[in-house]
Amino acid sequence: GRLGPFEKLAELASNFTSSPAFSVFCVLLVAAFVVAHLA
């Protein structure tokens, strides 16, 4: 029933990665990759 430091970090990161902000970050990262190739 107790969460260690890694489990707490994993839970926070899991919450962040399921957020719209992270989705936007991923789309921007892929867009930057595509732009780097096209340019």
PDB file of all heavy atoms in Angstrom:
ATOM      1  N   GLY A   1       0.775  -1.228   0.000  1.00  0.00           N
ATOM      2  CA  GLY A   1       0.000   0.000   0.000  1.00  0.00           C
ATOM      3  C   GLY A   1       0.808   1.281   0.000  1.00  0.00           C
ATOM      4  O   GLY A   1       0.245   2.360  -0.067  1.00  0.00           O
ATOM      5  N   ARG A   2       2.133   1.179   0.121  1.00  0.00           N
ATOM      6  CA  ARG A   2       2.965   2.384   0.125  1.00  0.00           C
ATOM      7  C   ARG A   2       3.680   2.509  -1.208  1.00  0.00           C
ATOM      8  O   ARG A   2       4.109   1.524  -1.787  1.00  0.00           O
ATOM      9  CB  ARG A   2       4.009   2.308   1.236  1.00  0.00           C
ATOM     10  CG  ARG A   2       3.444   2.403   2.610  1.00  0.00           C
ATOM     11  CD  ARG A   2       4.541   2.482   3.630  1.00  0.00           C
ATOM     12  NE  ARG A   2       5.758   1.843   3.138  1.00  0.00           N
ATOM     13  CZ  ARG A   2       6.672   1.292   3.891  1.00  0.00           C
ATOM     14  NH1 ARG A   2       6.519   1.276   5.179  1.00  0.00           N
ATOM     15  NH2 ARG A   2       7.755   0.733   3.383  1.00  0.00           N
ATOM     16  N   LEU A   3       3.821   3.735  -1.645  1.00  0.00           N
ATOM     17  CA  LEU A   3       4.550   3.993  -2.882  1.00  0.00           C
ATOM     18  C   LEU A   3       5.939   4.501  -2.549  1.00  0.00           C
ATOM     19  O   LEU A   3       6.107   5.404  -1.748  1.00  0.00           O
ATOM     20  CB  LEU A   3       3.824   5.033  -3.738  1.00  0.00           C
ATOM     21  CG  LEU A   3       2.461   4.643  -4.303  1.00  0.00           C
ATOM     22  CD1 LEU A   3       1.883   5.799  -5.104  1.00  0.00           C
ATOM     23  CD2 LEU A   3       2.556   3.404  -5.157  1.00  0.00           C
ATOM     24  N   GLY A   4       6.936   3.904  -3.184  1.00  0.00           N
ATOM     25  CA  GLY A   4       8.310   4.367  -3.022  1.00  0.00           C
ATOM     26  C   GLY A   4       8.562   5.568  -3.921  1.00  0.00           C
ATOM     27  O   GLY A   4       7.677   5.998  -4.670  1.00  0.00           O
ATOM     28  N   PRO A   5       9.769   6.118  -3.893  1.00  0.00           N
ATOM     29  CA  PRO A   5      10.087   7.297  -4.707  1.00  0.00           C
ATOM     30  C   PRO A   5       9.897   7.051  -6.205  1.00  0.00           C
ATOM     31  O   PRO A   5       9.363   7.897  -6.903  1.00  0.00           O
ATOM     32  CB  PRO A   5      11.551   7.592  -4.392  1.00  0.00           C
ATOM     33  CG  PRO A   5      11.855   6.851  -3.146  1.00  0.00           C
ATOM     34  CD  PRO A   5      10.881   5.731  -3.037  1.00  0.00           C
ATOM     35  N   PHE A   6      10.334   5.870  -6.685  1.00  0.00           N
ATOM     36  CA  PHE A   6      10.173   5.587  -8.108  1.00  0.00           C
ATOM     37  C   PHE A   6       8.705   5.441  -8.475  1.00  0.00           C
ATOM     38  O   PHE A   6       8.266   5.931  -9.517  1.00  0.00           O
ATOM     39  CB  PHE A   6      10.928   4.318  -8.518  1.00  0.00           C
ATOM     40  CG  PHE A   6      10.708   3.976  -9.964  1.00  0.00           C
ATOM     41  CD1 PHE A   6      11.361   4.696 -10.961  1.00  0.00           C
ATOM     42  CD2 PHE A   6       9.837   2.972 -10.340  1.00  0.00           C
ATOM     43  CE1 PHE A   6      11.148   4.403 -12.299  1.00  0.00           C
ATOM     44  CE2 PHE A   6       9.615   2.677 -11.673  1.00  0.00           C
ATOM     45  CZ  PHE A   6      10.283   3.399 -12.658  1.00  0.00           C
ATOM     46  N   GLU A   7       7.931   4.783  -7.622  1.00  0.00           N
ATOM     47  CA  GLU A   7       6.509   4.589  -7.901  1.00  0.00           C
ATOM     48  C   GLU A   7       5.775   5.927  -7.931  1.00  0.00           C
ATOM     49  O   GLU A   7       4.886   6.143  -8.750  1.00  0.00           O
ATOM     50  CB  GLU A   7       5.880   3.651  -6.869  1.00  0.00           C
ATOM     51  CG  GLU A   7       6.291   2.200  -7.033  1.00  0.00           C
ATOM     52  CD  GLU A   7       7.664   1.898  -6.474  1.00  0.00           C
ATOM     53  OE1 GLU A   7       8.204   2.727  -5.691  1.00  0.00           O
ATOM     54  OE2 GLU A   7       8.215   0.843  -6.819  1.00  0.00           O
ATOM     55  N   LYS A   8       6.162   6.839  -7.014  1.00  0.00           N
ATOM     56  CA  LYS A   8       5.550   8.174  -7.021  1.00  0.00           C
ATOM     57  C   LYS A   8       5.903   8.921  -8.303  1.00  0.00           C
ATOM     58  O   LYS A   8       5.042   9.554  -8.917  1.00  0.00           O
ATOM     59  CB  LYS A   8       6.012   8.975  -5.805  1.00  0.00           C
ATOM     60  CG  LYS A   8       5.426   8.507  -4.500  1.00  0.00           C
ATOM     61  CD  LYS A   8       5.962   9.307  -3.331  1.00  0.00           C
ATOM     62  CE  LYS A   8       5.452   8.757  -2.019  1.00  0.00           C
ATOM     63  NZ  LYS A   8       6.028   9.454  -0.864  1.00  0.00           N
ATOM     64  N   LEU A   9       7.180   8.835  -8.699  1.00  0.00           N
ATOM     65  CA  LEU A   9       7.613   9.477  -9.940  1.00  0.00           C
ATOM     66  C   LEU A   9       6.893   8.863 -11.139  1.00  0.00           C
ATOM     67  O   LEU A   9       6.428   9.580 -12.032  1.00  0.00           O
ATOM     68  CB  LEU A   9       9.126   9.352 -10.111  1.00  0.00           C
ATOM     69  CG  LEU A   9       9.692   9.908 -11.421  1.00  0.00           C
ATOM     70  CD1 LEU A   9       9.492  11.414 -11.479  1.00  0.00           C
ATOM     71  CD2 LEU A   9      11.155   9.539 -11.556  1.00  0.00           C
ATOM     72  N   ALA A  10       6.793   7.533 -11.146  1.00  0.00           N
ATOM     73  CA  ALA A  10       6.108   6.860 -12.255  1.00  0.00           C
ATOM     74  C   ALA A  10       4.642   7.270 -12.322  1.00  0.00           C
ATOM     75  O   ALA A  10       4.094   7.465 -13.410  1.00  0.00           O
ATOM     76  CB  ALA A  10       6.233   5.348 -12.110  1.00  0.00           C
ATOM     77  N   GLU A  11       4.005   7.420 -11.162  1.00  0.00           N
ATOM     78  CA  GLU A  11       2.595   7.841 -11.136  1.00  0.00           C
ATOM     79  C   GLU A  11       2.439   9.272 -11.657  1.00  0.00           C
ATOM     80  O   GLU A  11       1.545   9.557 -12.449  1.00  0.00           O
ATOM     81  CB  GLU A  11       2.056   7.712  -9.712  1.00  0.00           C
ATOM     82  CG  GLU A  11       0.565   7.886  -9.605  1.00  0.00           C
ATOM     83  CD  GLU A  11      -0.215   6.762 -10.265  1.00  0.00           C
ATOM     84  OE1 GLU A  11       0.262   5.633 -10.322  1.00  0.00           O
ATOM     85  OE2 GLU A  11      -1.342   7.049 -10.725  1.00  0.00           O
ATOM     86  N   LEU A  12       3.309  10.168 -11.211  1.00  0.00           N
ATOM     87  CA  LEU A  12       3.256  11.553 -11.703  1.00  0.00           C
ATOM     88  C   LEU A  12       3.518  11.604 -13.205  1.00  0.00           C
ATOM     89  O   LEU A  12       2.827  12.308 -13.946  1.00  0.00           O
ATOM     90  CB  LEU A  12       4.279  12.418 -10.964  1.00  0.00           C
ATOM     91  CG  LEU A  12       3.954  12.784  -9.528  1.00  0.00           C
ATOM     92  CD1 LEU A  12       5.150  13.471  -8.872  1.00  0.00           C
ATOM     93  CD2 LEU A  12       2.739  13.682  -9.476  1.00  0.00           C
ATOM     94  N   ALA A  13       4.530  10.855 -13.645  1.00  0.00           N
ATOM     95  CA  ALA A  13       4.856  10.845 -15.068  1.00  0.00           C
ATOM     96  C   ALA A  13       3.720  10.239 -15.883  1.00  0.00           C
ATOM     97  O   ALA A  13       3.416  10.709 -16.985  1.00  0.00           O
ATOM     98  CB  ALA A  13       6.151  10.070 -15.309  1.00  0.00           C
ATOM     99  N   SER A  14       3.084   9.217 -15.343  1.00  0.00           N
ATOM    100  CA  SER A  14       1.949   8.600 -16.032  1.00  0.00           C
ATOM    101  C   SER A  14       0.799   9.594 -16.165  1.00  0.00           C
ATOM    102  O   SER A  14       0.155   9.676 -17.224  1.00  0.00           O
ATOM    103  CB  SER A  14       1.493   7.361 -15.264  1.00  0.00           C
ATOM    104  OG  SER A  14       0.408   6.751 -15.908  1.00  0.00           O
ATOM    105  N   ASN A  15       0.555  10.352 -15.105  1.00  0.00           N
ATOM    106  CA  ASN A  15      -0.500  11.372 -15.172  1.00  0.00           C
ATOM    107  C   ASN A  15      -0.146  12.454 -16.188  1.00  0.00           C
ATOM    108  O   ASN A  15      -1.006  12.907 -16.945  1.00  0.00           O
ATOM    109  CB  ASN A  15      -0.720  11.995 -13.796  1.00  0.00           C
ATOM    110  CG  ASN A  15      -1.344  11.025 -12.831  1.00  0.00           C
ATOM    111  OD1 ASN A  15      -1.957  10.040 -13.216  1.00  0.00           O
ATOM    112  ND2 ASN A  15      -1.162  11.280 -11.548  1.00  0.00           N
ATOM    113  N   PHE A  16       1.132  12.855 -16.218  1.00  0.00           N
ATOM    114  CA  PHE A  16       1.547  13.889 -17.165  1.00  0.00           C
ATOM    115  C   PHE A  16       1.466  13.390 -18.605  1.00  0.00           C
ATOM    116  O   PHE A  16       0.997  14.100 -19.498  1.00  0.00           O
ATOM    117  CB  PHE A  16       2.970  14.368 -16.867  1.00  0.00           C
ATOM    118  CG  PHE A  16       3.517  15.295 -17.922  1.00  0.00           C
ATOM    119  CD1 PHE A  16       2.978  16.562 -18.093  1.00  0.00           C
ATOM    120  CD2 PHE A  16       4.537  14.886 -18.767  1.00  0.00           C
ATOM    121  CE1 PHE A  16       3.461  17.411 -19.076  1.00  0.00           C
ATOM    122  CE2 PHE A  16       5.024  15.726 -19.749  1.00  0.00           C
ATOM    123  CZ  PHE A  16       4.487  16.989 -19.909  1.00  0.00           C
ATOM    124  N   THR A  17       1.919  12.154 -18.832  1.00  0.00           N
ATOM    125  CA  THR A  17       1.933  11.646 -20.206  1.00  0.00           C
ATOM    126  C   THR A  17       0.540  11.372 -20.751  1.00  0.00           C
ATOM    127  O   THR A  17       0.383  11.210 -21.961  1.00  0.00           O
ATOM    128  CB  THR A  17       2.790  10.370 -20.324  1.00  0.00           C
ATOM    129  OG1 THR A  17       2.311   9.393 -19.398  1.00  0.00           O
ATOM    130  CG2 THR A  17       4.249  10.672 -20.066  1.00  0.00           C
ATOM    131  N   SER A  18      -0.455  11.320 -19.891  1.00  0.00           N
ATOM    132  CA  SER A  18      -1.825  11.160 -20.382  1.00  0.00           C
ATOM    133  C   SER A  18      -2.545  12.501 -20.503  1.00  0.00           C
ATOM    134  O   SER A  18      -3.739  12.539 -20.760  1.00  0.00           O
ATOM    135  CB  SER A  18      -2.604  10.224 -19.458  1.00  0.00           C
ATOM    136  OG  SER A  18      -2.701  10.774 -18.169  1.00  0.00           O
ATOM    137  N   SER A  19      -1.795  13.593 -20.354  1.00  0.00           N
ATOM    138  CA  SER A  19      -2.400  14.923 -20.421  1.00  0.00           C
ATOM    139  C   SER A  19      -2.354  15.483 -21.846  1.00  0.00           C
ATOM    140  O   SER A  19      -1.535  15.062 -22.665  1.00  0.00           O
ATOM    141  CB  SER A  19      -1.665  15.889 -19.481  1.00  0.00           C
ATOM    142  OG  SER A  19      -0.376  16.173 -19.997  1.00  0.00           O
ATOM    143  N   PRO A  20      -3.222  16.447 -22.141  1.00  0.00           N
ATOM    144  CA  PRO A  20      -3.184  17.106 -23.448  1.00  0.00           C
ATOM    145  C   PRO A  20      -1.862  17.826 -23.703  1.00  0.00           C
ATOM    146  O   PRO A  20      -1.391  17.866 -24.845  1.00  0.00           O
ATOM    147  CB  PRO A  20      -4.340  18.108 -23.385  1.00  0.00           C
ATOM    148  CG  PRO A  20      -5.255  17.584 -22.334  1.00  0.00           C
ATOM    149  CD  PRO A  20      -4.381  16.885 -21.349  1.00  0.00           C
ATOM    150  N   ALA A  21      -1.243  18.349 -22.653  1.00  0.00           N
ATOM    151  CA  ALA A  21       0.032  19.063 -22.824  1.00  0.00           C
ATOM    152  C   ALA A  21       1.103  18.136 -23.387  1.00  0.00           C
ATOM    153  O   ALA A  21       1.874  18.525 -24.270  1.00  0.00           O
ATOM    154  CB  ALA A  21       0.490  19.656 -21.497  1.00  0.00           C
ATOM    155  N   PHE A  22       1.155  16.909 -22.899  1.00  0.00           N
ATOM    156  CA  PHE A  22       2.152  15.966 -23.406  1.00  0.00           C
ATOM    157  C   PHE A  22       1.833  15.566 -24.850  1.00  0.00           C
ATOM    158  O   PHE A  22       2.746  15.397 -25.664  1.00  0.00           O
ATOM    159  CB  PHE A  22       2.234  14.729 -22.519  1.00  0.00           C
ATOM    160  CG  PHE A  22       3.307  13.771 -22.951  1.00  0.00           C
ATOM    161  CD1 PHE A  22       4.638  14.077 -22.717  1.00  0.00           C
ATOM    162  CD2 PHE A  22       2.988  12.602 -23.593  1.00  0.00           C
ATOM    163  CE1 PHE A  22       5.638  13.206 -23.124  1.00  0.00           C
ATOM    164  CE2 PHE A  22       3.982  11.731 -23.996  1.00  0.00           C
ATOM    165  CZ  PHE A  22       5.306  12.031 -23.758  1.00  0.00           C
ATOM    166  N   SER A  23       0.563  15.428 -25.163  1.00  0.00           N
ATOM    167  CA  SER A  23       0.175  15.113 -26.543  1.00  0.00           C
ATOM    168  C   SER A  23       0.627  16.217 -27.490  1.00  0.00           C
ATOM    169  O   SER A  23       1.147  15.941 -28.579  1.00  0.00           O
ATOM    170  CB  SER A  23      -1.337  14.919 -26.653  1.00  0.00           C
ATOM    171  OG  SER A  23      -1.729  13.795 -25.899  1.00  0.00           O
ATOM    172  N   VAL A  24       0.447  17.463 -27.072  1.00  0.00           N
ATOM    173  CA  VAL A  24       0.892  18.595 -27.890  1.00  0.00           C
ATOM    174  C   VAL A  24       2.413  18.559 -28.039  1.00  0.00           C
ATOM    175  O   VAL A  24       2.940  18.773 -29.143  1.00  0.00           O
ATOM    176  CB  VAL A  24       0.419  19.930 -27.269  1.00  0.00           C
ATOM    177  CG1 VAL A  24       1.089  21.122 -27.928  1.00  0.00           C
ATOM    178  CG2 VAL A  24      -1.096  20.044 -27.359  1.00  0.00           C
ATOM    179  N   PHE A  25       3.122  18.275 -26.955  1.00  0.00           N
ATOM    180  CA  PHE A  25       4.583  18.165 -27.011  1.00  0.00           C
ATOM    181  C   PHE A  25       5.015  17.105 -28.029  1.00  0.00           C
ATOM    182  O   PHE A  25       5.918  17.345 -28.832  1.00  0.00           O
ATOM    183  CB  PHE A  25       5.138  17.832 -25.623  1.00  0.00           C
ATOM    184  CG  PHE A  25       6.583  17.441 -25.633  1.00  0.00           C
ATOM    185  CD1 PHE A  25       7.575  18.393 -25.817  1.00  0.00           C
ATOM    186  CD2 PHE A  25       6.956  16.108 -25.490  1.00  0.00           C
ATOM    187  CE1 PHE A  25       8.916  18.034 -25.839  1.00  0.00           C
ATOM    188  CE2 PHE A  25       8.288  15.742 -25.511  1.00  0.00           C
ATOM    189  CZ  PHE A  25       9.269  16.702 -25.687  1.00  0.00           C
ATOM    190  N   CYS A  26       4.368  15.950 -28.011  1.00  0.00           N
ATOM    191  CA  CYS A  26       4.715  14.876 -28.950  1.00  0.00           C
ATOM    192  C   CYS A  26       4.431  15.274 -30.391  1.00  0.00           C
ATOM    193  O   CYS A  26       5.240  14.999 -31.290  1.00  0.00           O
ATOM    194  CB  CYS A  26       3.963  13.600 -28.592  1.00  0.00           C
ATOM    195  SG  CYS A  26       4.574  12.815 -27.093  1.00  0.00           S
ATOM    196  N   VAL A  27       3.298  15.923 -30.618  1.00  0.00           N
ATOM    197  CA  VAL A  27       2.971  16.375 -31.977  1.00  0.00           C
ATOM    198  C   VAL A  27       4.000  17.395 -32.450  1.00  0.00           C
ATOM    199  O   VAL A  27       4.462  17.344 -33.597  1.00  0.00           O
ATOM    200  CB  VAL A  27       1.534  16.960 -32.027  1.00  0.00           C
ATOM    201  CG1 VAL A  27       1.276  17.697 -33.330  1.00  0.00           C
ATOM    202  CG2 VAL A  27       0.513  15.843 -31.828  1.00  0.00           C
ATOM    203  N   LEU A  28       4.392  18.306 -31.567  1.00  0.00           N
ATOM    204  CA  LEU A  28       5.407  19.295 -31.937  1.00  0.00           C
ATOM    205  C   LEU A  28       6.765  18.646 -32.208  1.00  0.00           C
ATOM    206  O   LEU A  28       7.483  19.058 -33.130  1.00  0.00           O
ATOM    207  CB  LEU A  28       5.543  20.354 -30.838  1.00  0.00           C
ATOM    208  CG  LEU A  28       4.353  21.297 -30.672  1.00  0.00           C
ATOM    209  CD1 LEU A  28       4.570  22.218 -29.472  1.00  0.00           C
ATOM    210  CD2 LEU A  28       4.113  22.099 -31.938  1.00  0.00           C
ATOM    211  N   LEU A  29       7.107  17.647 -31.445  1.00  0.00           N
ATOM    212  CA  LEU A  29       8.369  16.937 -31.660  1.00  0.00           C
ATOM    213  C   LEU A  29       8.380  16.220 -33.006  1.00  0.00           C
ATOM    214  O   LEU A  29       9.357  16.305 -33.759  1.00  0.00           O
ATOM    215  CB  LEU A  29       8.603  15.934 -30.524  1.00  0.00           C
ATOM    216  CG  LEU A  29       9.943  15.217 -30.496  1.00  0.00           C
ATOM    217  CD1 LEU A  29      11.092  16.224 -30.397  1.00  0.00           C
ATOM    218  CD2 LEU A  29       9.987  14.252 -29.328  1.00  0.00           C
ATOM    219  N   VAL A  30       7.286  15.563 -33.336  1.00  0.00           N
ATOM    220  CA  VAL A  30       7.187  14.900 -34.647  1.00  0.00           C
ATOM    221  C   VAL A  30       7.181  15.931 -35.762  1.00  0.00           C
ATOM    222  O   VAL A  30       7.836  15.746 -36.803  1.00  0.00           O
ATOM    223  CB  VAL A  30       5.932  13.998 -34.705  1.00  0.00           C
ATOM    224  CG1 VAL A  30       5.692  13.480 -36.112  1.00  0.00           C
ATOM    225  CG2 VAL A  30       6.065  12.845 -33.724  1.00  0.00           C
ATOM    226  N   ALA A  31       6.475  17.037 -35.560  1.00  0.00           N
ATOM    227  CA  ALA A  31       6.449  18.098 -36.572  1.00  0.00           C
ATOM    228  C   ALA A  31       7.853  18.670 -36.785  1.00  0.00           C
ATOM    229  O   ALA A  31       8.261  18.913 -37.931  1.00  0.00           O
ATOM    230  CB  ALA A  31       5.481  19.201 -36.158  1.00  0.00           C
ATOM    231  N   ALA A  32       8.601  18.864 -35.719  1.00  0.00           N
ATOM    232  CA  ALA A  32       9.959  19.373 -35.848  1.00  0.00           C
ATOM    233  C   ALA A  32      10.831  18.384 -36.607  1.00  0.00           C
ATOM    234  O   ALA A  32      11.656  18.780 -37.444  1.00  0.00           O
ATOM    235  CB  ALA A  32      10.560  19.634 -34.458  1.00  0.00           C
ATOM    236  N   PHE A  33      10.637  17.105 -36.387  1.00  0.00           N
ATOM    237  CA  PHE A  33      11.377  16.072 -37.104  1.00  0.00           C
ATOM    238  C   PHE A  33      11.062  16.124 -38.600  1.00  0.00           C
ATOM    239  O   PHE A  33      11.965  16.080 -39.443  1.00  0.00           O
ATOM    240  CB  PHE A  33      11.031  14.704 -36.523  1.00  0.00           C
ATOM    241  CG  PHE A  33      11.744  13.566 -37.165  1.00  0.00           C
ATOM    242  CD1 PHE A  33      13.083  13.329 -36.901  1.00  0.00           C
ATOM    243  CD2 PHE A  33      11.084  12.696 -38.020  1.00  0.00           C
ATOM    244  CE1 PHE A  33      13.750  12.270 -37.478  1.00  0.00           C
ATOM    245  CE2 PHE A  33      11.735  11.641 -38.607  1.00  0.00           C
ATOM    246  CZ  PHE A  33      13.081  11.419 -38.340  1.00  0.00           C
ATOM    247  N   VAL A  34       9.784  16.245 -38.912  1.00  0.00           N
ATOM    248  CA  VAL A  34       9.361  16.310 -40.324  1.00  0.00           C
ATOM    249  C   VAL A  34       9.896  17.581 -40.976  1.00  0.00           C
ATOM    250  O   VAL A  34      10.409  17.551 -42.104  1.00  0.00           O
ATOM    251  CB  VAL A  34       7.823  16.222 -40.436  1.00  0.00           C
ATOM    252  CG1 VAL A  34       7.345  16.537 -41.841  1.00  0.00           C
ATOM    253  CG2 VAL A  34       7.350  14.838 -40.001  1.00  0.00           C
ATOM    254  N   VAL A  35       9.788  18.707 -40.291  1.00  0.00           N
ATOM    255  CA  VAL A  35      10.280  19.980 -40.838  1.00  0.00           C
ATOM    256  C   VAL A  35      11.792  19.914 -41.072  1.00  0.00           C
ATOM    257  O   VAL A  35      12.289  20.404 -42.096  1.00  0.00           O
ATOM    258  CB  VAL A  35       9.913  21.155 -39.891  1.00  0.00           C
ATOM    259  CG1 VAL A  35      10.673  22.420 -40.265  1.00  0.00           C
ATOM    260  CG2 VAL A  35       8.412  21.400 -39.929  1.00  0.00           C
ATOM    261  N   ALA A  36      12.512  19.285 -40.148  1.00  0.00           N
ATOM    262  CA  ALA A  36      13.967  19.162 -40.315  1.00  0.00           C
ATOM    263  C   ALA A  36      14.302  18.374 -41.577  1.00  0.00           C
ATOM    264  O   ALA A  36      15.252  18.707 -42.296  1.00  0.00           O
ATOM    265  CB  ALA A  36      14.580  18.492 -39.095  1.00  0.00           C
ATOM    266  N   HIS A  37      13.500  17.365 -41.882  1.00  0.00           N
ATOM    267  CA  HIS A  37      13.733  16.593 -43.104  1.00  0.00           C
ATOM    268  C   HIS A  37      13.326  17.370 -44.347  1.00  0.00           C
ATOM    269  O   HIS A  37      14.064  17.394 -45.337  1.00  0.00           O
ATOM    270  CB  HIS A  37      12.974  15.263 -43.050  1.00  0.00           C
ATOM    271  CG  HIS A  37      13.707  14.195 -42.319  1.00  0.00           C
ATOM    272  ND1 HIS A  37      14.825  13.594 -42.799  1.00  0.00           N
ATOM    273  CD2 HIS A  37      13.460  13.618 -41.112  1.00  0.00           C
ATOM    274  CE1 HIS A  37      15.261  12.692 -41.938  1.00  0.00           C
ATOM    275  NE2 HIS A  37      14.436  12.698 -40.895  1.00  0.00           N
ATOM    276  N   LEU A  38      12.148  17.979 -44.293  1.00  0.00           N
ATOM    277  CA  LEU A  38      11.656  18.701 -45.473  1.00  0.00           C
ATOM    278  C   LEU A  38      12.489  19.934 -45.784  1.00  0.00           C
ATOM    279  O   LEU A  38      12.640  20.305 -46.949  1.00  0.00           O
ATOM    280  CB  LEU A  38      10.193  19.091 -45.268  1.00  0.00           C
ATOM    281  CG  LEU A  38       9.191  17.928 -45.232  1.00  0.00           C
ATOM    282  CD1 LEU A  38       7.792  18.458 -44.959  1.00  0.00           C
ATOM    283  CD2 LEU A  38       9.232  17.107 -46.517  1.00  0.00           C
ATOM    284  N   ALA A  39      13.015  20.574 -44.761  1.00  0.00           N
ATOM    285  CA  ALA A  39      13.827  21.779 -44.968  1.00  0.00           C
ATOM    286  C   ALA A  39      15.284  21.437 -45.271  1.00  0.00           C
ATOM    287  O   ALA A  39      16.098  22.336 -45.472  1.00  0.00           O
ATOM    288  CB  ALA A  39      13.755  22.665 -43.724  1.00  0.00           C
TER     289      ALA A  39
END
